[in-house]
C-alpha atoms as a PDB file:
ATOM      1  CA  MET A   1     -30.686 -23.955  12.829  1.00  0.00           C
ATOM      2  CA  THR A   2     -32.238 -20.385  12.560  1.00  0.00           C
ATOM      3  CA  GLN A   3     -30.001 -18.124  11.097  1.00  0.00           C
ATOM      4  CA  LEU A   4     -29.899 -14.404  12.938  1.00  0.00           C
ATOM      5  CA  THR A   5     -30.876 -11.409  10.867  1.00  0.00           C
ATOM      6  CA  TYR A   6     -29.063  -8.339  11.883  1.00  0.00           C
ATOM      7  CA  THR A   7     -31.021  -5.111  12.455  1.00  0.00           C
ATOM      8  CA  VAL A   8     -29.554  -1.735  10.981  1.00  0.00           C
ATOM      9  CA  TYR A   9     -30.950   1.721  11.760  1.00  0.00           C
ATOM     10  CA  CYS A  10     -30.463   3.957   9.261  1.00  0.00           C
ATOM     11  CA  THR A  11     -31.416   7.819   9.759  1.00  0.00           C
ATOM     12  CA  TRP A  12     -30.876  10.897   7.500  1.00  0.00           C
ATOM     13  CA  ASP A  13     -28.481  13.602   9.311  1.00  0.00           C
ATOM     14  CA  ALA A  14     -29.536  16.809   7.705  1.00  0.00           C
ATOM     15  CA  GLU A  15     -26.900  18.760   9.193  1.00  0.00           C
ATOM     16  CA  ALA A  16     -24.468  16.570   7.373  1.00  0.00           C
ATOM     17  CA  SER A  17     -26.445  15.735   4.328  1.00  0.00           C
ATOM     18  CA  CYS A  18     -25.967  12.014   4.843  1.00  0.00           C
ATOM     19  CA  TRP A  19     -27.515   8.673   5.842  1.00  0.00           C
ATOM     20  CA  VAL A  20     -25.843   7.072   8.991  1.00  0.00           C
ATOM     21  CA  ALA A  21     -26.264   3.619  10.149  1.00  0.00           C
ATOM     22  CA  THR A  22     -25.845   1.980  13.441  1.00  0.00           C
ATOM     23  CA  SER A  23     -26.880  -1.158  15.364  1.00  0.00           C
ATOM     24  CA  ASP A  24     -27.154  -2.819  18.378  1.00  0.00           C
ATOM     25  CA  ASP A  25     -26.759  -6.371  16.805  1.00  0.00           C
ATOM     26  CA  VAL A  26     -23.415  -5.260  15.329  1.00  0.00           C
ATOM     27  CA  PRO A  27     -20.866  -4.128  17.719  1.00  0.00           C
ATOM     28  CA  GLY A  28     -18.829  -0.961  16.502  1.00  0.00           C
ATOM     29  CA  LEU A  29     -21.169  -0.293  13.480  1.00  0.00           C
ATOM     30  CA  ALA A  30     -21.421   3.443  12.693  1.00  0.00           C
ATOM     31  CA  THR A  31     -20.654   4.318   8.730  1.00  0.00           C
ATOM     32  CA  GLY A  32     -22.613   6.582   6.690  1.00  0.00           C
ATOM     33  CA  ALA A  33     -22.838   7.428   2.779  1.00  0.00           C
ATOM     34  CA  ASP A  34     -24.862  10.021   0.892  1.00  0.00           C
ATOM     35  CA  THR A  35     -27.730   7.893  -0.576  1.00  0.00           C
ATOM     36  CA  LEU A  36     -29.610   5.038   1.429  1.00  0.00           C
ATOM     37  CA  GLU A  37     -28.595   2.675  -1.612  1.00  0.00           C
ATOM     38  CA  ALA A  38     -24.707   3.768  -1.133  1.00  0.00           C
ATOM     39  CA  LEU A  39     -25.155   2.991   2.491  1.00  0.00           C
ATOM     40  CA  VAL A  40     -26.698  -0.529   1.896  1.00  0.00           C
ATOM     41  CA  GLU A  41     -23.572  -1.282  -0.253  1.00  0.00           C
ATOM     42  CA  ARG A  42     -21.351  -0.337   2.222  1.00  0.00           C
ATOM     43  CA  LEU A  43     -23.126  -2.326   4.936  1.00  0.00           C
ATOM     44  CA  ARG A  44     -22.767  -5.403   2.740  1.00  0.00           C
ATOM     45  CA  VAL A  45     -19.077  -5.066   3.100  1.00  0.00           C
ATOM     46  CA  VAL A  46     -18.787  -3.635   6.608  1.00  0.00           C
ATOM     47  CA  ILE A  47     -21.036  -5.759   8.488  1.00  0.00           C
ATOM     48  CA  PRO A  48     -19.585  -9.119   8.134  1.00  0.00           C
ATOM     49  CA  GLU A  49     -16.304  -7.708   8.891  1.00  0.00           C
ATOM     50  CA  LEU A  50     -17.296  -6.162  12.333  1.00  0.00           C
ATOM     51  CA  LEU A  51     -18.956  -9.383  12.899  1.00  0.00           C
ATOM     52  CA  GLU A  52     -15.669 -11.290  12.240  1.00  0.00           C
ATOM     53  CA  ALA A  53     -13.738  -8.835  13.919  1.00  0.00           C
ATOM     54  CA  ASN A  54     -15.867  -9.232  17.114  1.00  0.00           C
ATOM     55  CA  GLY A  55     -15.588 -13.149  17.258  1.00  0.00           C
ATOM     56  CA  LEU A  56     -19.449 -13.363  16.231  1.00  0.00           C
ATOM     57  CA  LEU A  57     -19.187 -14.598  12.819  1.00  0.00           C
ATOM     58  CA  ASN A  58     -17.170 -17.755  11.546  1.00  0.00           C
ATOM     59  CA  PRO A  59     -16.616 -17.126   7.781  1.00  0.00           C
ATOM     60  CA  ALA A  60     -15.708 -21.001   7.351  1.00  0.00           C
ATOM     61  CA  GLU A  61     -19.336 -21.646   8.682  1.00  0.00           C
ATOM     62  CA  THR A  62     -21.523 -18.752   6.910  1.00  0.00           C
ATOM     63  CA  ALA A  63     -21.925 -18.090   3.350  1.00  0.00           C
ATOM     64  CA  ASP A  64     -24.117 -14.875   4.010  1.00  0.00           C
ATOM     65  CA  VAL A  65     -25.094 -12.382   6.570  1.00  0.00           C
ATOM     66  CA  PRO A  66     -28.711 -11.286   6.480  1.00  0.00           C
ATOM     67  CA  PHE A  67     -29.472  -7.717   7.600  1.00  0.00           C
ATOM     68  CA  LYS A  68     -32.529  -5.701   8.042  1.00  0.00           C
ATOM     69  CA  VAL A  69     -32.454  -2.162   7.183  1.00  0.00           C
ATOM     70  CA  VAL A  70     -34.823   0.032   9.034  1.00  0.00           C
ATOM     71  CA  ALA A  71     -34.784   3.564   7.525  1.00  0.00           C
ATOM     72  CA  GLU A  72     -36.389   6.624   8.909  1.00  0.00           C
ATOM     73  CA  ARG A  73     -36.247  10.537   7.527  1.00  0.00           C
ATOM     74  CA  ASP A  74     -38.071  13.240   8.716  1.00  0.00           C
ATOM     75  CA  GLU A  75     -39.690  15.461   6.076  1.00  0.00           C
ATOM     76  CA  ARG A  76     -42.147  18.313   5.583  1.00  0.00           C
ATOM     77  CA  ALA A  77     -44.881  19.133   2.930  1.00  0.00           C
ATOM     78  CA  VAL A  78     -46.142  22.506   2.159  1.00  0.00           C
ATOM     79  CA  LEU A  79     -49.577  23.028   0.864  1.00  0.00           C
ATOM     80  CA  ALA A  80     -49.270  25.083  -2.046  1.00  0.00           C
ATOM     81  CA  ALA A  81     -51.527  28.364  -1.991  1.00  0.00           C
END
């Protein structure tokens, strides 16, 4: 049996100064954190909870939930004079 890997998109919100996570694979996922590392830690808790709440995960049958983080942050570099 092939296990589904859930894809989570994380983007930097410059206005709010935090990372924001969303996913088409995980219904209801919308969370954020100050750092990407903190966001991944939060996702480790929130993803299984949301999947179970939406009837997409049976904890008795699943020991872990694999997910892929796709992070994007727009930046600018300035050439020193």
